[in-house]
Each structure stands twice: as C-alpha cells, then as structure tokens.
Amino acid sequence: MTRYLSIEDDDDSVPDTDERDVTTLIPAAVDEVLAMAETWLAFAGNPVVREGNAWTPHKALRRVTDHLIDHLAEIECRLAGVPTEPDRWHGRRLTLDADFARFTEADLDEATSRLRRLALCYRGRLAGLSADELDAPCASDPGAWTIRQIVHHVAGITAYAELLGPLA
C-alpha cells in the first residue's frame, strides 16, 4: 500500500483525526477552496511565490484535484483489497507552463463542477463505511494510514488554495 505524504510533501506524520462526520469533511474543504478560487478571476499572470514554489490559480486547482483523485483511488484500492498505483507526479514542486494561463469564469465553472463531483464521490463512498471500516488497519501494510486518517489528511486540500491566497 502506498503511503501518501502530507501537503508539505516531506511530512509523513500521521494525520490527526476527530469525531467529525467524515462524509462532510471533503465537501466542506472543496467549498472553502472554491470560495477562494472565486477571487482568482483577478489573476494577472504573476505567480505568488510561497515556500519556494510558484503558485497560480491553475496550479492550486490542479494540486487540489490531483490530491482528491489520488487519495480516492487509494481508498478504493484499499476497500477492493488490491495494491495502489504509486504516484509518479512531482507534486507542488512542479509548475507547468499551462499553470500561468489566465484564469477565467469558464475555468472556475469547470473547477467547480469537477471538485464538487469528486466531493460527492467521497461523500458517497464514505457514507457506506462503518466506524470499524474507517479505523481498520490496512491488512497488506499495517503502517499505512486508516481510511479515517486519509480523509482527515485530504481535508487539508485547502492548504493549496491558501498558498496562493485570495487575489481580490
């Protein structure tokens, strides 16, 4: 089982969890990201440099989307009892030429549709799991995070939006 790192890419600490309903965590995080993304229509092509990386609206949304997809795949593989496909992307360290493109209303609309659909996938998948399933250790990798830990970690996707911050 692949162990995914935190948003900081170099912190492999175990995510803190609490008793919040896991079905609400990802939709709430997506709503926060999209609220900030509404301000990115003011993007003038100049990246924000934070923590040694250039951040643009497209990069922040790409990282949010990738993080949601990667961990949803991890959860699905875990529940199916099959190994995950290790990631081969470069994470936040890579800024693509396309990331510097103008951020338009159409881009925001597409991101809104995509991220809300992914949040619904998490909500639907997690709603069917018992507390025992959420907290069960991984049979093939006892050191891997539990599904509850994965979900709490993924709820941190807001950090990608916060690295860019509001632009208006």
N, C-alpha and C. Protein backbone atom coordinates (compact mmCIF):
# COMPACT_ATOMS: atom_id res chain seq x y z
N MET A 1 0.86 -1.17 0.00
CA MET A 1 0.00 0.00 0.00
C MET A 1 0.91 1.23 0.00
N THR A 2 0.65 2.17 -0.84
CA THR A 2 1.41 3.39 -0.91
C THR A 2 1.06 4.27 0.27
N ARG A 3 2.05 4.83 0.88
CA ARG A 3 1.81 5.82 1.93
C ARG A 3 1.94 7.18 1.30
N TYR A 4 0.91 7.98 1.42
CA TYR A 4 0.91 9.30 0.83
C TYR A 4 1.43 10.30 1.84
N LEU A 5 2.16 11.26 1.35
CA LEU A 5 2.71 12.28 2.22
C LEU A 5 1.75 13.43 2.37
N SER A 6 2.02 14.25 3.33
CA SER A 6 1.16 15.40 3.58
C SER A 6 1.35 16.44 2.49
N ILE A 7 0.57 17.48 2.56
CA ILE A 7 0.64 18.56 1.58
C ILE A 7 2.04 19.17 1.56
N GLU A 8 2.75 19.10 2.67
CA GLU A 8 4.09 19.65 2.71
C GLU A 8 5.08 18.78 1.93
N ASP A 9 4.66 17.62 1.46
CA ASP A 9 5.45 16.70 0.66
C ASP A 9 6.64 16.10 1.41
N ASP A 10 6.94 16.55 2.60
CA ASP A 10 8.08 15.99 3.31
C ASP A 10 7.71 15.63 4.75
N ASP A 11 6.45 15.63 5.05
CA ASP A 11 5.97 15.34 6.39
C ASP A 11 5.15 14.07 6.34
N ASP A 12 5.69 12.98 6.90
CA ASP A 12 4.97 11.72 6.85
C ASP A 12 4.30 11.39 8.18
N SER A 13 4.03 12.43 8.98
CA SER A 13 3.38 12.20 10.26
C SER A 13 1.94 11.73 10.04
N VAL A 14 1.43 11.04 11.04
CA VAL A 14 0.08 10.50 10.98
C VAL A 14 -0.92 11.64 11.16
N PRO A 15 -1.90 11.76 10.30
CA PRO A 15 -2.88 12.84 10.42
C PRO A 15 -3.70 12.71 11.71
N ASP A 16 -3.96 13.84 12.33
CA ASP A 16 -4.87 13.86 13.48
C ASP A 16 -6.28 13.64 12.99
N THR A 17 -7.07 12.95 13.79
CA THR A 17 -8.48 12.75 13.48
C THR A 17 -9.32 13.21 14.65
N ASP A 18 -10.61 13.32 14.41
CA ASP A 18 -11.55 13.67 15.47
C ASP A 18 -12.87 12.99 15.15
N GLU A 19 -13.88 13.34 15.88
CA GLU A 19 -15.17 12.66 15.74
C GLU A 19 -16.11 13.29 14.71
N ARG A 20 -15.64 14.27 13.94
CA ARG A 20 -16.50 14.84 12.91
C ARG A 20 -16.93 13.77 11.92
N ASP A 21 -18.08 13.97 11.34
CA ASP A 21 -18.63 13.07 10.33
C ASP A 21 -17.72 13.15 9.10
N VAL A 22 -17.06 12.04 8.76
CA VAL A 22 -16.11 12.04 7.65
C VAL A 22 -16.78 12.35 6.31
N THR A 23 -18.08 12.13 6.21
CA THR A 23 -18.75 12.41 4.93
C THR A 23 -18.85 13.90 4.66
N THR A 24 -18.64 14.73 5.66
CA THR A 24 -18.75 16.18 5.48
C THR A 24 -17.41 16.88 5.29
N LEU A 25 -16.31 16.21 5.60
CA LEU A 25 -15.01 16.87 5.59
C LEU A 25 -14.56 17.31 4.21
N ILE A 26 -14.64 16.42 3.24
CA ILE A 26 -14.16 16.76 1.90
C ILE A 26 -15.08 17.78 1.23
N PRO A 27 -16.41 17.62 1.27
CA PRO A 27 -17.27 18.66 0.70
C PRO A 27 -17.02 20.04 1.32
N ALA A 28 -16.80 20.09 2.62
CA ALA A 28 -16.54 21.39 3.27
C ALA A 28 -15.22 21.98 2.79
N ALA A 29 -14.19 21.14 2.65
CA ALA A 29 -12.90 21.62 2.16
C ALA A 29 -13.01 22.12 0.72
N VAL A 30 -13.75 21.39 -0.11
CA VAL A 30 -13.95 21.81 -1.50
C VAL A 30 -14.67 23.16 -1.54
N ASP A 31 -15.67 23.34 -0.70
CA ASP A 31 -16.38 24.63 -0.65
C ASP A 31 -15.41 25.77 -0.29
N GLU A 32 -14.50 25.52 0.65
CA GLU A 32 -13.52 26.55 1.03
C GLU A 32 -12.59 26.88 -0.14
N VAL A 33 -12.12 25.85 -0.83
CA VAL A 33 -11.24 26.07 -1.98
C VAL A 33 -11.97 26.88 -3.05
N LEU A 34 -13.20 26.51 -3.35
CA LEU A 34 -13.94 27.21 -4.41
C LEU A 34 -14.28 28.64 -4.02
N ALA A 35 -14.52 28.88 -2.76
CA ALA A 35 -14.78 30.26 -2.31
C ALA A 35 -13.55 31.13 -2.56
N MET A 36 -12.37 30.59 -2.28
CA MET A 36 -11.16 31.35 -2.54
C MET A 36 -10.92 31.48 -4.04
N ALA A 37 -11.21 30.41 -4.80
CA ALA A 37 -10.99 30.44 -6.25
C ALA A 37 -11.81 31.53 -6.93
N GLU A 38 -12.93 31.89 -6.36
CA GLU A 38 -13.73 32.98 -6.94
C GLU A 38 -12.94 34.28 -7.00
N THR A 39 -11.98 34.45 -6.11
CA THR A 39 -11.16 35.67 -6.12
C THR A 39 -10.05 35.61 -7.17
N TRP A 40 -9.80 34.44 -7.70
CA TRP A 40 -8.69 34.28 -8.62
C TRP A 40 -8.99 34.76 -10.03
N LEU A 41 -10.21 35.19 -10.27
CA LEU A 41 -10.52 35.78 -11.57
C LEU A 41 -9.70 37.04 -11.80
N ALA A 42 -9.13 37.58 -10.73
CA ALA A 42 -8.28 38.77 -10.82
C ALA A 42 -6.83 38.42 -11.17
N PHE A 43 -6.52 37.15 -11.39
CA PHE A 43 -5.14 36.72 -11.66
C PHE A 43 -4.61 37.43 -12.90
N ALA A 44 -3.47 38.11 -12.74
CA ALA A 44 -2.89 38.90 -13.82
C ALA A 44 -1.68 38.22 -14.45
N GLY A 45 -1.46 36.94 -14.15
CA GLY A 45 -0.35 36.22 -14.75
C GLY A 45 0.90 36.17 -13.92
N ASN A 46 0.91 36.86 -12.80
CA ASN A 46 2.08 36.85 -11.93
C ASN A 46 1.86 35.85 -10.79
N PRO A 47 2.72 34.85 -10.72
CA PRO A 47 2.53 33.84 -9.66
C PRO A 47 2.84 34.43 -8.28
N VAL A 48 2.28 33.80 -7.29
CA VAL A 48 2.62 34.10 -5.90
C VAL A 48 3.67 33.07 -5.51
N VAL A 49 4.80 33.53 -5.00
CA VAL A 49 5.86 32.62 -4.60
C VAL A 49 5.78 32.43 -3.09
N ARG A 50 5.56 31.17 -2.70
CA ARG A 50 5.49 30.82 -1.27
C ARG A 50 6.17 29.48 -1.09
N GLU A 51 6.93 29.38 -0.03
CA GLU A 51 7.60 28.13 0.34
C GLU A 51 8.42 27.56 -0.82
N GLY A 52 9.06 28.46 -1.58
CA GLY A 52 9.94 28.04 -2.65
C GLY A 52 9.26 27.57 -3.91
N ASN A 53 7.95 27.81 -4.04
CA ASN A 53 7.20 27.37 -5.21
C ASN A 53 6.36 28.52 -5.77
N ALA A 54 6.19 28.51 -7.09
CA ALA A 54 5.33 29.48 -7.74
C ALA A 54 3.90 28.94 -7.73
N TRP A 55 2.95 29.78 -7.31
CA TRP A 55 1.54 29.37 -7.22
C TRP A 55 0.69 30.24 -8.12
N THR A 56 -0.16 29.58 -8.89
CA THR A 56 -1.13 30.24 -9.76
C THR A 56 -2.48 29.57 -9.52
N PRO A 57 -3.57 30.17 -9.98
CA PRO A 57 -4.87 29.51 -9.82
C PRO A 57 -4.91 28.11 -10.42
N HIS A 58 -4.37 27.96 -11.64
CA HIS A 58 -4.42 26.65 -12.29
C HIS A 58 -3.59 25.62 -11.52
N LYS A 59 -2.44 26.02 -11.01
CA LYS A 59 -1.63 25.08 -10.25
C LYS A 59 -2.33 24.68 -8.96
N ALA A 60 -2.87 25.64 -8.24
CA ALA A 60 -3.54 25.32 -6.98
C ALA A 60 -4.70 24.36 -7.22
N LEU A 61 -5.50 24.61 -8.24
CA LEU A 61 -6.63 23.73 -8.53
C LEU A 61 -6.18 22.37 -9.06
N ARG A 62 -5.10 22.34 -9.80
CA ARG A 62 -4.54 21.07 -10.27
C ARG A 62 -4.09 20.24 -9.08
N ARG A 63 -3.42 20.86 -8.13
CA ARG A 63 -2.95 20.14 -6.94
C ARG A 63 -4.13 19.64 -6.10
N VAL A 64 -5.16 20.48 -5.92
CA VAL A 64 -6.35 20.06 -5.18
C VAL A 64 -6.97 18.84 -5.86
N THR A 65 -7.17 18.94 -7.16
CA THR A 65 -7.80 17.85 -7.91
C THR A 65 -6.96 16.58 -7.85
N ASP A 66 -5.66 16.70 -8.07
CA ASP A 66 -4.78 15.53 -8.02
C ASP A 66 -4.84 14.87 -6.65
N HIS A 67 -4.82 15.68 -5.61
CA HIS A 67 -4.84 15.14 -4.25
C HIS A 67 -6.14 14.39 -3.99
N LEU A 68 -7.25 14.96 -4.41
CA LEU A 68 -8.54 14.28 -4.24
C LEU A 68 -8.57 12.95 -5.00
N ILE A 69 -8.12 12.97 -6.24
CA ILE A 69 -8.15 11.76 -7.07
C ILE A 69 -7.20 10.70 -6.49
N ASP A 70 -5.99 11.09 -6.13
CA ASP A 70 -5.01 10.13 -5.64
C ASP A 70 -5.50 9.40 -4.40
N HIS A 71 -6.06 10.14 -3.48
CA HIS A 71 -6.50 9.50 -2.24
C HIS A 71 -7.82 8.76 -2.40
N LEU A 72 -8.68 9.21 -3.30
CA LEU A 72 -9.89 8.44 -3.57
C LEU A 72 -9.50 7.08 -4.18
N ALA A 73 -8.52 7.09 -5.06
CA ALA A 73 -8.02 5.84 -5.63
C ALA A 73 -7.41 4.96 -4.54
N GLU A 74 -6.69 5.56 -3.62
CA GLU A 74 -6.11 4.81 -2.51
C GLU A 74 -7.20 4.13 -1.67
N ILE A 75 -8.25 4.88 -1.35
CA ILE A 75 -9.36 4.32 -0.57
C ILE A 75 -10.04 3.20 -1.34
N GLU A 76 -10.32 3.41 -2.60
CA GLU A 76 -10.99 2.39 -3.41
C GLU A 76 -10.15 1.12 -3.51
N CYS A 77 -8.85 1.28 -3.72
CA CYS A 77 -7.98 0.11 -3.79
C CYS A 77 -7.94 -0.62 -2.45
N ARG A 78 -7.85 0.12 -1.39
CA ARG A 78 -7.84 -0.49 -0.05
C ARG A 78 -9.09 -1.32 0.16
N LEU A 79 -10.24 -0.74 -0.16
CA LEU A 79 -11.51 -1.45 0.06
C LEU A 79 -11.66 -2.64 -0.88
N ALA A 80 -11.06 -2.57 -2.05
CA ALA A 80 -11.12 -3.69 -3.00
C ALA A 80 -10.06 -4.75 -2.71
N GLY A 81 -9.13 -4.42 -1.82
CA GLY A 81 -8.09 -5.38 -1.47
C GLY A 81 -7.02 -5.53 -2.53
N VAL A 82 -6.81 -4.47 -3.31
CA VAL A 82 -5.78 -4.51 -4.34
C VAL A 82 -4.74 -3.42 -4.05
N PRO A 83 -3.51 -3.62 -4.53
CA PRO A 83 -2.48 -2.60 -4.28
C PRO A 83 -2.80 -1.31 -5.04
N THR A 84 -2.32 -0.22 -4.49
CA THR A 84 -2.49 1.07 -5.16
C THR A 84 -1.43 1.23 -6.25
N GLU A 85 -1.69 2.13 -7.15
CA GLU A 85 -0.71 2.51 -8.16
C GLU A 85 0.11 3.65 -7.57
N PRO A 86 1.42 3.46 -7.39
CA PRO A 86 2.23 4.54 -6.82
C PRO A 86 2.17 5.79 -7.70
N ASP A 87 2.14 6.95 -7.05
CA ASP A 87 2.11 8.19 -7.82
C ASP A 87 3.48 8.45 -8.42
N ARG A 88 3.47 9.14 -9.55
CA ARG A 88 4.71 9.49 -10.22
C ARG A 88 4.78 10.98 -10.54
N TRP A 89 3.84 11.75 -9.96
CA TRP A 89 3.84 13.18 -10.23
C TRP A 89 4.82 13.88 -9.31
N HIS A 90 5.10 15.10 -9.62
CA HIS A 90 6.10 15.87 -8.89
C HIS A 90 5.50 16.77 -7.83
N GLY A 91 4.21 16.66 -7.63
CA GLY A 91 3.57 17.43 -6.58
C GLY A 91 3.69 18.92 -6.75
N ARG A 92 3.78 19.59 -5.65
CA ARG A 92 3.77 21.05 -5.66
C ARG A 92 5.06 21.66 -6.18
N ARG A 93 6.09 20.85 -6.31
CA ARG A 93 7.38 21.38 -6.76
C ARG A 93 7.38 21.74 -8.25
N LEU A 94 6.40 21.26 -8.98
CA LEU A 94 6.36 21.46 -10.42
C LEU A 94 5.30 22.49 -10.79
N THR A 95 5.72 23.50 -11.53
CA THR A 95 4.78 24.47 -12.09
C THR A 95 4.86 24.34 -13.60
N LEU A 96 3.73 23.99 -14.21
CA LEU A 96 3.68 23.78 -15.66
C LEU A 96 3.48 25.09 -16.40
N ASP A 97 3.87 25.15 -17.64
CA ASP A 97 3.63 26.34 -18.45
C ASP A 97 2.15 26.69 -18.46
N ALA A 98 1.31 25.67 -18.56
CA ALA A 98 -0.14 25.90 -18.60
C ALA A 98 -0.67 26.53 -17.32
N ASP A 99 0.06 26.37 -16.22
CA ASP A 99 -0.39 26.95 -14.95
C ASP A 99 -0.42 28.48 -14.98
N PHE A 100 0.32 29.08 -15.90
CA PHE A 100 0.39 30.54 -15.97
C PHE A 100 -0.71 31.16 -16.81
N ALA A 101 -1.59 30.34 -17.36
CA ALA A 101 -2.68 30.85 -18.20
C ALA A 101 -3.63 31.73 -17.38
N ARG A 102 -4.31 32.60 -18.09
CA ARG A 102 -5.34 33.44 -17.48
C ARG A 102 -6.39 32.54 -16.84
N PHE A 103 -6.95 32.94 -15.71
CA PHE A 103 -7.98 32.17 -15.02
C PHE A 103 -9.31 32.86 -15.26
N THR A 104 -10.19 32.17 -15.97
CA THR A 104 -11.44 32.78 -16.43
C THR A 104 -12.65 32.23 -15.69
N GLU A 105 -13.80 32.82 -15.98
CA GLU A 105 -15.06 32.32 -15.43
C GLU A 105 -15.30 30.88 -15.86
N ALA A 106 -14.94 30.54 -17.08
CA ALA A 106 -15.11 29.17 -17.57
C ALA A 106 -14.21 28.21 -16.78
N ASP A 107 -12.99 28.64 -16.47
CA ASP A 107 -12.09 27.81 -15.66
C ASP A 107 -12.67 27.56 -14.28
N LEU A 108 -13.22 28.61 -13.69
CA LEU A 108 -13.84 28.47 -12.37
C LEU A 108 -15.05 27.55 -12.44
N ASP A 109 -15.84 27.68 -13.48
CA ASP A 109 -17.02 26.82 -13.64
C ASP A 109 -16.61 25.35 -13.78
N GLU A 110 -15.59 25.08 -14.60
CA GLU A 110 -15.12 23.71 -14.76
C GLU A 110 -14.56 23.16 -13.46
N ALA A 111 -13.77 23.96 -12.76
CA ALA A 111 -13.21 23.51 -11.48
C ALA A 111 -14.31 23.25 -10.47
N THR A 112 -15.31 24.10 -10.45
CA THR A 112 -16.43 23.92 -9.52
C THR A 112 -17.13 22.60 -9.80
N SER A 113 -17.43 22.33 -11.05
CA SER A 113 -18.09 21.07 -11.42
C SER A 113 -17.23 19.87 -11.05
N ARG A 114 -15.97 19.92 -11.40
CA ARG A 114 -15.07 18.80 -11.17
C ARG A 114 -14.89 18.54 -9.67
N LEU A 115 -14.61 19.57 -8.91
CA LEU A 115 -14.35 19.39 -7.48
C LEU A 115 -15.60 18.98 -6.71
N ARG A 116 -16.73 19.53 -7.08
CA ARG A 116 -17.96 19.13 -6.38
C ARG A 116 -18.32 17.68 -6.69
N ARG A 117 -18.07 17.22 -7.92
CA ARG A 117 -18.32 15.81 -8.24
C ARG A 117 -17.39 14.90 -7.45
N LEU A 118 -16.13 15.29 -7.33
CA LEU A 118 -15.20 14.49 -6.54
C LEU A 118 -15.62 14.46 -5.07
N ALA A 119 -16.08 15.60 -4.55
CA ALA A 119 -16.55 15.64 -3.16
C ALA A 119 -17.74 14.70 -2.97
N LEU A 120 -18.63 14.64 -3.97
CA LEU A 120 -19.77 13.72 -3.90
C LEU A 120 -19.31 12.26 -3.91
N CYS A 121 -18.26 11.97 -4.66
CA CYS A 121 -17.72 10.61 -4.67
C CYS A 121 -17.22 10.23 -3.28
N TYR A 122 -16.51 11.14 -2.64
CA TYR A 122 -16.04 10.87 -1.28
C TYR A 122 -17.24 10.68 -0.35
N ARG A 123 -18.20 11.59 -0.42
CA ARG A 123 -19.37 11.50 0.47
C ARG A 123 -20.08 10.15 0.29
N GLY A 124 -20.30 9.77 -0.95
CA GLY A 124 -21.00 8.51 -1.21
C GLY A 124 -20.20 7.30 -0.76
N ARG A 125 -18.91 7.29 -1.04
CA ARG A 125 -18.07 6.15 -0.66
C ARG A 125 -17.98 6.04 0.85
N LEU A 126 -17.78 7.15 1.53
CA LEU A 126 -17.58 7.12 2.99
C LEU A 126 -18.87 6.85 3.74
N ALA A 127 -20.00 7.25 3.17
CA ALA A 127 -21.29 7.05 3.85
C ALA A 127 -21.59 5.58 4.07
N GLY A 128 -21.06 4.73 3.23
CA GLY A 128 -21.32 3.30 3.35
C GLY A 128 -20.38 2.56 4.28
N LEU A 129 -19.45 3.27 4.92
CA LEU A 129 -18.46 2.61 5.76
C LEU A 129 -18.80 2.74 7.24
N SER A 130 -18.58 1.67 7.97
CA SER A 130 -18.78 1.70 9.42
C SER A 130 -17.56 2.32 10.09
N ALA A 131 -17.70 2.65 11.36
CA ALA A 131 -16.57 3.17 12.13
C ALA A 131 -15.43 2.15 12.15
N ASP A 132 -15.77 0.88 12.24
CA ASP A 132 -14.73 -0.15 12.23
C ASP A 132 -13.96 -0.16 10.91
N GLU A 133 -14.67 0.01 9.80
CA GLU A 133 -14.00 0.05 8.49
C GLU A 133 -13.15 1.31 8.35
N LEU A 134 -13.63 2.43 8.86
CA LEU A 134 -12.88 3.68 8.79
C LEU A 134 -11.58 3.61 9.58
N ASP A 135 -11.60 2.85 10.67
CA ASP A 135 -10.46 2.81 11.58
C ASP A 135 -9.63 1.53 11.48
N ALA A 136 -9.97 0.66 10.54
CA ALA A 136 -9.26 -0.61 10.40
C ALA A 136 -7.86 -0.38 9.83
N PRO A 137 -6.89 -1.09 10.39
CA PRO A 137 -5.56 -1.02 9.79
C PRO A 137 -5.57 -1.72 8.43
N CYS A 138 -4.67 -1.34 7.60
CA CYS A 138 -4.55 -1.95 6.27
C CYS A 138 -3.92 -3.33 6.44
N ALA A 139 -4.58 -4.35 5.93
CA ALA A 139 -4.10 -5.73 6.07
C ALA A 139 -2.75 -5.93 5.39
N SER A 140 -2.55 -5.32 4.23
CA SER A 140 -1.31 -5.53 3.48
C SER A 140 -0.18 -4.59 3.91
N ASP A 141 -0.49 -3.55 4.68
CA ASP A 141 0.52 -2.60 5.14
C ASP A 141 0.07 -2.03 6.47
N PRO A 142 0.38 -2.69 7.56
CA PRO A 142 -0.10 -2.26 8.87
C PRO A 142 0.33 -0.84 9.26
N GLY A 143 1.36 -0.30 8.63
CA GLY A 143 1.80 1.05 8.92
C GLY A 143 1.07 2.13 8.13
N ALA A 144 0.24 1.72 7.18
CA ALA A 144 -0.49 2.69 6.35
C ALA A 144 -1.57 3.38 7.17
N TRP A 145 -1.93 4.55 6.74
CA TRP A 145 -2.98 5.30 7.42
C TRP A 145 -4.31 4.56 7.30
N THR A 146 -5.17 4.76 8.30
CA THR A 146 -6.53 4.25 8.21
C THR A 146 -7.31 5.13 7.23
N ILE A 147 -8.45 4.66 6.81
CA ILE A 147 -9.27 5.47 5.90
C ILE A 147 -9.66 6.77 6.58
N ARG A 148 -9.99 6.74 7.87
CA ARG A 148 -10.34 7.98 8.58
C ARG A 148 -9.15 8.96 8.54
N GLN A 149 -7.95 8.46 8.75
CA GLN A 149 -6.77 9.33 8.70
C GLN A 149 -6.56 9.90 7.30
N ILE A 150 -6.79 9.08 6.29
CA ILE A 150 -6.66 9.57 4.92
C ILE A 150 -7.65 10.72 4.68
N VAL A 151 -8.89 10.54 5.11
CA VAL A 151 -9.91 11.56 4.87
C VAL A 151 -9.56 12.86 5.60
N HIS A 152 -9.10 12.77 6.83
CA HIS A 152 -8.71 13.98 7.56
C HIS A 152 -7.53 14.66 6.87
N HIS A 153 -6.60 13.86 6.37
CA HIS A 153 -5.47 14.41 5.61
C HIS A 153 -5.96 15.13 4.35
N VAL A 154 -6.84 14.48 3.60
CA VAL A 154 -7.32 15.06 2.35
C VAL A 154 -8.09 16.35 2.60
N ALA A 155 -8.77 16.44 3.73
CA ALA A 155 -9.50 17.68 4.06
C ALA A 155 -8.55 18.88 4.14
N GLY A 156 -7.26 18.61 4.20
CA GLY A 156 -6.27 19.68 4.19
C GLY A 156 -5.97 20.25 2.82
N ILE A 157 -6.74 19.86 1.80
CA ILE A 157 -6.52 20.40 0.46
C ILE A 157 -6.66 21.91 0.41
N THR A 158 -7.29 22.48 1.41
CA THR A 158 -7.42 23.94 1.46
C THR A 158 -6.04 24.61 1.50
N ALA A 159 -5.02 23.89 1.96
CA ALA A 159 -3.68 24.47 2.03
C ALA A 159 -3.17 24.90 0.66
N TYR A 160 -3.54 24.16 -0.38
CA TYR A 160 -3.10 24.55 -1.72
C TYR A 160 -3.70 25.90 -2.12
N ALA A 161 -4.95 26.11 -1.82
CA ALA A 161 -5.60 27.39 -2.11
C ALA A 161 -5.01 28.49 -1.25
N GLU A 162 -4.71 28.16 0.00
CA GLU A 162 -4.16 29.16 0.92
C GLU A 162 -2.75 29.59 0.51
N LEU A 163 -1.98 28.68 -0.14
CA LEU A 163 -0.66 29.08 -0.61
C LEU A 163 -0.75 30.18 -1.66
N LEU A 164 -1.78 30.14 -2.48
CA LEU A 164 -2.00 31.23 -3.44
C LEU A 164 -2.68 32.39 -2.73
N GLY A 165 -3.66 32.08 -1.92
CA GLY A 165 -4.40 33.11 -1.19
C GLY A 165 -5.43 33.82 -2.07
N PRO A 166 -6.23 34.66 -1.44
CA PRO A 166 -7.21 35.45 -2.22
C PRO A 166 -6.48 36.50 -3.06
N LEU A 167 -7.00 36.75 -4.24
CA LEU A 167 -6.36 37.72 -5.15
C LEU A 167 -7.21 38.97 -5.37
N ALA A 168 -8.33 39.06 -4.74
CA ALA A 168 -9.13 40.28 -4.92
C ALA A 168 -9.65 40.75 -3.58
